[in-house]
Amino acid sequence: MKLTTFIIDDDLVSQFATRYCIQQSHGNFDIVTCSSGEEGINACLSSIEEHDRLPDIIFLDLVMDGMNGWDFLENLQTLFKKHELPSVYVLSAFTNAKDRAIAKGHGLIAGYIDKPLSRSYLEKILKEEEKKRVV
């Protein structure tokens, strides 16, 4: 089964590293990269228009100019409340205890990952996604 994955991160090196990790996995992915929260929301709108669904997985940076990751999540929940929301994994270059605590309590966030995404963590994510789709 092909999984649609969005990488929303304003750091091009991080985007590349995350994309590369995903491409090297054994999963089957459509990967969309977005350089801002605004671009991510627009990509979600396009996904609804074209496929009548949101992506399966979003890898989200929290610290971005303009619409940050928290604002993106708020917009995602508000704009797409009638749709099945994706699994969101926060990618962070900083160990911020406050962000980590908020992320753990946030209903939409499935995990908090220190950059860069590792193949072993990605395999864990794929197993979780597979379980969700079997149920």
N, C-alpha and C. Protein backbone atom coordinates (compact mmCIF):
# COMPACT_ATOMS: atom_id res chain seq x y z
N MET A 1 0.83 -1.18 0.00
CA MET A 1 0.00 0.00 0.00
C MET A 1 0.88 1.24 0.00
N LYS A 2 0.57 2.19 -0.87
CA LYS A 2 1.35 3.41 -0.98
C LYS A 2 0.88 4.40 0.08
N LEU A 3 1.81 4.96 0.83
CA LEU A 3 1.51 5.96 1.85
C LEU A 3 1.90 7.33 1.33
N THR A 4 1.02 8.29 1.50
CA THR A 4 1.34 9.67 1.14
C THR A 4 1.93 10.34 2.37
N THR A 5 3.11 10.93 2.17
CA THR A 5 3.86 11.52 3.27
C THR A 5 4.23 12.95 2.94
N PHE A 6 3.94 13.86 3.86
CA PHE A 6 4.35 15.25 3.71
C PHE A 6 5.50 15.52 4.68
N ILE A 7 6.51 16.20 4.20
CA ILE A 7 7.61 16.70 5.03
C ILE A 7 7.45 18.21 5.04
N ILE A 8 7.17 18.77 6.21
CA ILE A 8 6.98 20.22 6.33
C ILE A 8 8.11 20.76 7.21
N ASP A 9 9.08 21.38 6.55
CA ASP A 9 10.29 21.82 7.23
C ASP A 9 10.93 22.93 6.40
N ASP A 10 11.32 24.02 7.04
CA ASP A 10 11.93 25.12 6.29
C ASP A 10 13.43 24.94 6.07
N ASP A 11 14.02 23.91 6.63
CA ASP A 11 15.44 23.63 6.47
C ASP A 11 15.63 22.62 5.33
N LEU A 12 16.23 23.06 4.23
CA LEU A 12 16.37 22.21 3.05
C LEU A 12 17.24 20.98 3.32
N VAL A 13 18.24 21.11 4.16
CA VAL A 13 19.09 19.96 4.49
C VAL A 13 18.27 18.91 5.25
N SER A 14 17.46 19.37 6.20
CA SER A 14 16.60 18.45 6.94
C SER A 14 15.56 17.81 6.03
N GLN A 15 15.00 18.59 5.12
CA GLN A 15 14.05 18.04 4.14
C GLN A 15 14.71 16.91 3.35
N PHE A 16 15.92 17.18 2.87
CA PHE A 16 16.64 16.20 2.07
C PHE A 16 16.92 14.94 2.89
N ALA A 17 17.40 15.11 4.12
CA ALA A 17 17.73 13.96 4.97
C ALA A 17 16.50 13.12 5.27
N THR A 18 15.37 13.78 5.55
CA THR A 18 14.14 13.05 5.85
C THR A 18 13.65 12.32 4.60
N ARG A 19 13.66 13.00 3.47
CA ARG A 19 13.24 12.39 2.20
C ARG A 19 14.13 11.18 1.88
N TYR A 20 15.42 11.35 2.04
CA TYR A 20 16.37 10.27 1.75
C TYR A 20 16.10 9.05 2.63
N CYS A 21 15.88 9.29 3.93
CA CYS A 21 15.58 8.19 4.85
C CYS A 21 14.32 7.45 4.42
N ILE A 22 13.30 8.20 4.05
CA ILE A 22 12.04 7.58 3.62
C ILE A 22 12.25 6.79 2.33
N GLN A 23 12.98 7.36 1.39
CA GLN A 23 13.22 6.69 0.11
C GLN A 23 14.04 5.41 0.28
N GLN A 24 14.88 5.37 1.29
CA GLN A 24 15.73 4.19 1.52
C GLN A 24 15.01 3.08 2.30
N SER A 25 13.82 3.38 2.78
CA SER A 25 13.07 2.37 3.54
C SER A 25 12.43 1.38 2.58
N HIS A 26 11.80 0.38 3.15
CA HIS A 26 11.14 -0.64 2.34
C HIS A 26 9.69 -0.27 2.04
N GLY A 27 9.27 0.90 2.51
CA GLY A 27 7.90 1.32 2.29
C GLY A 27 7.68 1.86 0.88
N ASN A 28 6.43 2.04 0.55
CA ASN A 28 6.04 2.57 -0.75
C ASN A 28 5.39 3.93 -0.49
N PHE A 29 6.05 5.01 -0.92
CA PHE A 29 5.63 6.35 -0.54
C PHE A 29 5.46 7.29 -1.73
N ASP A 30 4.50 8.20 -1.60
CA ASP A 30 4.45 9.43 -2.37
C ASP A 30 4.91 10.49 -1.38
N ILE A 31 5.95 11.23 -1.71
CA ILE A 31 6.52 12.20 -0.77
C ILE A 31 6.33 13.61 -1.33
N VAL A 32 5.77 14.49 -0.50
CA VAL A 32 5.60 15.89 -0.84
C VAL A 32 6.39 16.70 0.19
N THR A 33 7.23 17.62 -0.27
CA THR A 33 7.96 18.48 0.66
C THR A 33 7.40 19.90 0.61
N CYS A 34 7.31 20.50 1.78
CA CYS A 34 6.81 21.86 1.93
C CYS A 34 7.79 22.63 2.79
N SER A 35 8.05 23.88 2.41
CA SER A 35 9.05 24.69 3.12
C SER A 35 8.47 25.61 4.19
N SER A 36 7.15 25.52 4.41
CA SER A 36 6.53 26.35 5.44
C SER A 36 5.20 25.74 5.86
N GLY A 37 4.69 26.20 6.97
CA GLY A 37 3.38 25.75 7.42
C GLY A 37 2.29 26.13 6.44
N GLU A 38 2.39 27.34 5.88
CA GLU A 38 1.41 27.79 4.89
C GLU A 38 1.41 26.87 3.68
N GLU A 39 2.60 26.53 3.20
CA GLU A 39 2.72 25.62 2.06
C GLU A 39 2.15 24.25 2.40
N GLY A 40 2.34 23.81 3.64
CA GLY A 40 1.80 22.53 4.09
C GLY A 40 0.27 22.53 4.09
N ILE A 41 -0.34 23.61 4.57
CA ILE A 41 -1.81 23.72 4.56
C ILE A 41 -2.31 23.71 3.12
N ASN A 42 -1.63 24.46 2.24
CA ASN A 42 -2.04 24.48 0.83
C ASN A 42 -1.90 23.10 0.19
N ALA A 43 -0.86 22.36 0.56
CA ALA A 43 -0.69 21.00 0.04
C ALA A 43 -1.81 20.09 0.55
N CYS A 44 -2.23 20.29 1.79
CA CYS A 44 -3.35 19.52 2.34
C CYS A 44 -4.64 19.85 1.58
N LEU A 45 -4.87 21.12 1.30
CA LEU A 45 -6.05 21.52 0.53
C LEU A 45 -6.02 20.87 -0.86
N SER A 46 -4.86 20.87 -1.50
CA SER A 46 -4.72 20.24 -2.82
C SER A 46 -4.98 18.74 -2.74
N SER A 47 -4.50 18.11 -1.68
CA SER A 47 -4.70 16.67 -1.50
C SER A 47 -6.19 16.34 -1.36
N ILE A 48 -6.92 17.19 -0.64
CA ILE A 48 -8.37 17.00 -0.50
C ILE A 48 -9.05 17.16 -1.86
N GLU A 49 -8.67 18.21 -2.59
CA GLU A 49 -9.27 18.48 -3.89
C GLU A 49 -9.00 17.36 -4.90
N GLU A 50 -7.75 16.87 -4.91
CA GLU A 50 -7.34 15.89 -5.92
C GLU A 50 -7.67 14.44 -5.54
N HIS A 51 -7.56 14.12 -4.24
CA HIS A 51 -7.68 12.71 -3.82
C HIS A 51 -8.77 12.48 -2.78
N ASP A 52 -9.42 13.55 -2.33
CA ASP A 52 -10.44 13.50 -1.29
C ASP A 52 -9.92 12.90 0.01
N ARG A 53 -8.64 13.15 0.28
CA ARG A 53 -8.05 12.68 1.54
C ARG A 53 -6.78 13.46 1.84
N LEU A 54 -6.44 13.45 3.12
CA LEU A 54 -5.20 14.07 3.59
C LEU A 54 -4.08 13.05 3.48
N PRO A 55 -2.82 13.49 3.66
CA PRO A 55 -1.73 12.51 3.64
C PRO A 55 -1.86 11.53 4.81
N ASP A 56 -1.17 10.41 4.71
CA ASP A 56 -1.19 9.42 5.79
C ASP A 56 -0.29 9.85 6.94
N ILE A 57 0.86 10.42 6.59
CA ILE A 57 1.87 10.80 7.60
C ILE A 57 2.39 12.19 7.28
N ILE A 58 2.58 12.99 8.33
CA ILE A 58 3.25 14.29 8.18
C ILE A 58 4.43 14.32 9.14
N PHE A 59 5.60 14.66 8.61
CA PHE A 59 6.77 14.95 9.42
C PHE A 59 6.86 16.47 9.49
N LEU A 60 6.76 17.02 10.71
CA LEU A 60 6.57 18.46 10.90
C LEU A 60 7.65 19.06 11.78
N ASP A 61 8.29 20.10 11.26
CA ASP A 61 9.19 20.91 12.06
C ASP A 61 8.34 21.92 12.83
N LEU A 62 8.68 22.21 14.06
CA LEU A 62 7.91 23.17 14.85
C LEU A 62 8.40 24.60 14.66
N VAL A 63 9.71 24.76 14.48
CA VAL A 63 10.30 26.10 14.42
C VAL A 63 10.48 26.51 12.96
N MET A 64 9.51 27.31 12.48
CA MET A 64 9.57 27.83 11.12
C MET A 64 9.10 29.28 11.14
N ASP A 65 9.59 30.08 10.20
CA ASP A 65 9.12 31.45 10.07
C ASP A 65 7.69 31.44 9.56
N GLY A 66 6.96 32.49 9.84
CA GLY A 66 5.57 32.56 9.41
C GLY A 66 4.73 31.63 10.25
N MET A 67 4.03 30.71 9.60
CA MET A 67 3.21 29.73 10.31
C MET A 67 4.12 28.64 10.86
N ASN A 68 4.29 28.60 12.18
CA ASN A 68 5.14 27.57 12.77
C ASN A 68 4.37 26.24 12.87
N GLY A 69 5.03 25.23 13.39
CA GLY A 69 4.41 23.91 13.48
C GLY A 69 3.16 23.87 14.33
N TRP A 70 3.16 24.61 15.44
CA TRP A 70 1.97 24.64 16.31
C TRP A 70 0.79 25.27 15.59
N ASP A 71 1.06 26.37 14.87
CA ASP A 71 0.00 27.03 14.10
C ASP A 71 -0.50 26.12 12.98
N PHE A 72 0.42 25.39 12.36
CA PHE A 72 0.02 24.44 11.31
C PHE A 72 -0.95 23.41 11.88
N LEU A 73 -0.62 22.85 13.05
CA LEU A 73 -1.49 21.84 13.67
C LEU A 73 -2.87 22.40 13.98
N GLU A 74 -2.91 23.62 14.49
CA GLU A 74 -4.19 24.26 14.80
C GLU A 74 -5.03 24.43 13.54
N ASN A 75 -4.39 24.89 12.47
CA ASN A 75 -5.08 25.06 11.19
C ASN A 75 -5.53 23.72 10.62
N LEU A 76 -4.69 22.71 10.74
CA LEU A 76 -5.03 21.38 10.24
C LEU A 76 -6.30 20.86 10.92
N GLN A 77 -6.35 20.99 12.24
CA GLN A 77 -7.52 20.53 12.99
C GLN A 77 -8.77 21.34 12.66
N THR A 78 -8.61 22.63 12.49
CA THR A 78 -9.76 23.50 12.22
C THR A 78 -10.30 23.32 10.80
N LEU A 79 -9.40 23.33 9.83
CA LEU A 79 -9.81 23.29 8.42
C LEU A 79 -10.28 21.91 7.96
N PHE A 80 -9.77 20.86 8.59
CA PHE A 80 -10.02 19.51 8.08
C PHE A 80 -10.69 18.60 9.11
N LYS A 81 -11.51 19.19 9.99
CA LYS A 81 -12.11 18.40 11.05
C LYS A 81 -13.08 17.34 10.55
N LYS A 82 -13.56 17.47 9.32
CA LYS A 82 -14.48 16.48 8.76
C LYS A 82 -13.75 15.35 8.05
N HIS A 83 -12.42 15.40 8.03
CA HIS A 83 -11.61 14.38 7.35
C HIS A 83 -10.80 13.58 8.36
N GLU A 84 -10.38 12.40 7.96
CA GLU A 84 -9.48 11.62 8.81
C GLU A 84 -8.13 12.32 8.81
N LEU A 85 -7.69 12.70 10.00
CA LEU A 85 -6.44 13.45 10.12
C LEU A 85 -5.24 12.51 10.08
N PRO A 86 -4.13 12.99 9.55
CA PRO A 86 -2.94 12.15 9.42
C PRO A 86 -2.22 11.94 10.75
N SER A 87 -1.31 10.98 10.75
CA SER A 87 -0.39 10.82 11.88
C SER A 87 0.69 11.89 11.71
N VAL A 88 0.90 12.68 12.74
CA VAL A 88 1.89 13.76 12.68
C VAL A 88 3.05 13.41 13.60
N TYR A 89 4.25 13.46 13.03
CA TYR A 89 5.47 13.23 13.80
C TYR A 89 6.28 14.51 13.77
N VAL A 90 6.53 15.06 14.95
CA VAL A 90 7.30 16.28 15.06
C VAL A 90 8.77 15.94 14.91
N LEU A 91 9.44 16.66 14.01
CA LEU A 91 10.89 16.55 13.83
C LEU A 91 11.52 17.80 14.44
N SER A 92 12.44 17.62 15.36
CA SER A 92 13.03 18.78 16.01
C SER A 92 14.54 18.65 16.08
N ALA A 93 15.21 19.79 15.85
CA ALA A 93 16.66 19.83 15.97
C ALA A 93 17.07 20.21 17.39
N PHE A 94 16.10 20.65 18.18
CA PHE A 94 16.38 21.12 19.53
C PHE A 94 15.67 20.24 20.54
N THR A 95 16.31 20.01 21.65
CA THR A 95 15.67 19.28 22.73
C THR A 95 15.02 20.31 23.64
N ASN A 96 13.79 20.62 23.36
CA ASN A 96 13.04 21.60 24.12
C ASN A 96 12.03 20.84 24.97
N ALA A 97 12.28 20.81 26.28
CA ALA A 97 11.43 20.04 27.19
C ALA A 97 9.98 20.51 27.14
N LYS A 98 9.76 21.82 27.00
CA LYS A 98 8.40 22.35 26.96
C LYS A 98 7.67 21.85 25.70
N ASP A 99 8.32 21.97 24.54
CA ASP A 99 7.71 21.49 23.30
C ASP A 99 7.45 19.99 23.37
N ARG A 100 8.39 19.26 23.91
CA ARG A 100 8.25 17.81 24.01
C ARG A 100 7.05 17.45 24.89
N ALA A 101 6.89 18.16 26.00
CA ALA A 101 5.76 17.90 26.92
C ALA A 101 4.44 18.25 26.26
N ILE A 102 4.38 19.37 25.55
CA ILE A 102 3.15 19.76 24.85
C ILE A 102 2.84 18.73 23.77
N ALA A 103 3.87 18.30 23.05
CA ALA A 103 3.68 17.32 21.96
C ALA A 103 3.12 16.01 22.50
N LYS A 104 3.63 15.57 23.65
CA LYS A 104 3.15 14.30 24.22
C LYS A 104 1.67 14.37 24.59
N GLY A 105 1.21 15.55 24.98
CA GLY A 105 -0.19 15.70 25.37
C GLY A 105 -1.11 16.09 24.22
N HIS A 106 -0.54 16.34 23.05
CA HIS A 106 -1.34 16.79 21.91
C HIS A 106 -1.93 15.59 21.18
N GLY A 107 -3.23 15.59 21.02
CA GLY A 107 -3.93 14.44 20.45
C GLY A 107 -3.57 14.12 19.02
N LEU A 108 -3.09 15.09 18.27
CA LEU A 108 -2.78 14.86 16.86
C LEU A 108 -1.35 14.37 16.64
N ILE A 109 -0.48 14.58 17.61
CA ILE A 109 0.93 14.23 17.45
C ILE A 109 1.16 12.78 17.86
N ALA A 110 1.65 12.00 16.91
CA ALA A 110 1.89 10.58 17.15
C ALA A 110 3.28 10.31 17.71
N GLY A 111 4.21 11.26 17.55
CA GLY A 111 5.55 11.06 18.05
C GLY A 111 6.40 12.30 17.91
N TYR A 112 7.48 12.34 18.68
CA TYR A 112 8.42 13.47 18.70
C TYR A 112 9.79 12.90 18.40
N ILE A 113 10.41 13.33 17.31
CA ILE A 113 11.65 12.74 16.83
C ILE A 113 12.74 13.80 16.81
N ASP A 114 13.90 13.46 17.36
CA ASP A 114 15.06 14.33 17.23
C ASP A 114 15.62 14.16 15.82
N LYS A 115 15.90 15.29 15.14
CA LYS A 115 16.47 15.22 13.79
C LYS A 115 17.87 14.63 13.87
N PRO A 116 18.28 13.89 12.90
CA PRO A 116 17.54 13.48 11.71
C PRO A 116 16.71 12.22 11.99
N LEU A 117 15.71 12.00 11.13
CA LEU A 117 14.89 10.79 11.21
C LEU A 117 15.79 9.58 10.94
N SER A 118 15.70 8.58 11.81
CA SER A 118 16.51 7.37 11.61
C SER A 118 15.68 6.29 10.94
N ARG A 119 16.36 5.38 10.29
CA ARG A 119 15.67 4.28 9.62
C ARG A 119 14.93 3.41 10.62
N SER A 120 15.51 3.21 11.79
CA SER A 120 14.85 2.36 12.79
C SER A 120 13.56 3.01 13.28
N TYR A 121 13.57 4.33 13.49
CA TYR A 121 12.34 5.00 13.93
C TYR A 121 11.31 4.99 12.81
N LEU A 122 11.76 5.15 11.58
CA LEU A 122 10.84 5.10 10.45
C LEU A 122 10.19 3.73 10.34
N GLU A 123 10.94 2.67 10.56
CA GLU A 123 10.37 1.32 10.53
C GLU A 123 9.31 1.16 11.62
N LYS A 124 9.55 1.74 12.79
CA LYS A 124 8.57 1.72 13.88
C LYS A 124 7.29 2.44 13.45
N ILE A 125 7.44 3.59 12.79
CA ILE A 125 6.29 4.35 12.30
C ILE A 125 5.51 3.52 11.29
N LEU A 126 6.22 2.87 10.38
CA LEU A 126 5.56 2.07 9.35
C LEU A 126 4.77 0.92 9.96
N LYS A 127 5.30 0.31 11.00
CA LYS A 127 4.56 -0.77 11.68
C LYS A 127 3.29 -0.23 12.32
N GLU A 128 3.37 0.96 12.93
CA GLU A 128 2.18 1.58 13.53
C GLU A 128 1.14 1.92 12.47
N GLU A 129 1.59 2.45 11.36
CA GLU A 129 0.67 2.80 10.27
C GLU A 129 0.01 1.54 9.69
N GLU A 130 0.78 0.48 9.60
CA GLU A 130 0.23 -0.78 9.09
C GLU A 130 -0.86 -1.29 10.01
N LYS A 131 -0.63 -1.23 11.33
CA LYS A 131 -1.63 -1.66 12.31
C LYS A 131 -2.90 -0.84 12.17
N LYS A 132 -2.77 0.46 11.99
CA LYS A 132 -3.94 1.34 11.86
C LYS A 132 -4.79 0.95 10.64
N ARG A 133 -4.13 0.57 9.58
CA ARG A 133 -4.85 0.27 8.35
C ARG A 133 -5.47 -1.12 8.35
N VAL A 134 -4.97 -2.01 9.18
CA VAL A 134 -5.50 -3.35 9.28
C VAL A 134 -6.80 -3.35 10.08
N VAL A 135 -6.85 -2.49 11.10
CA VAL A 135 -8.00 -2.43 12.01
C VAL A 135 -9.23 -1.89 11.34
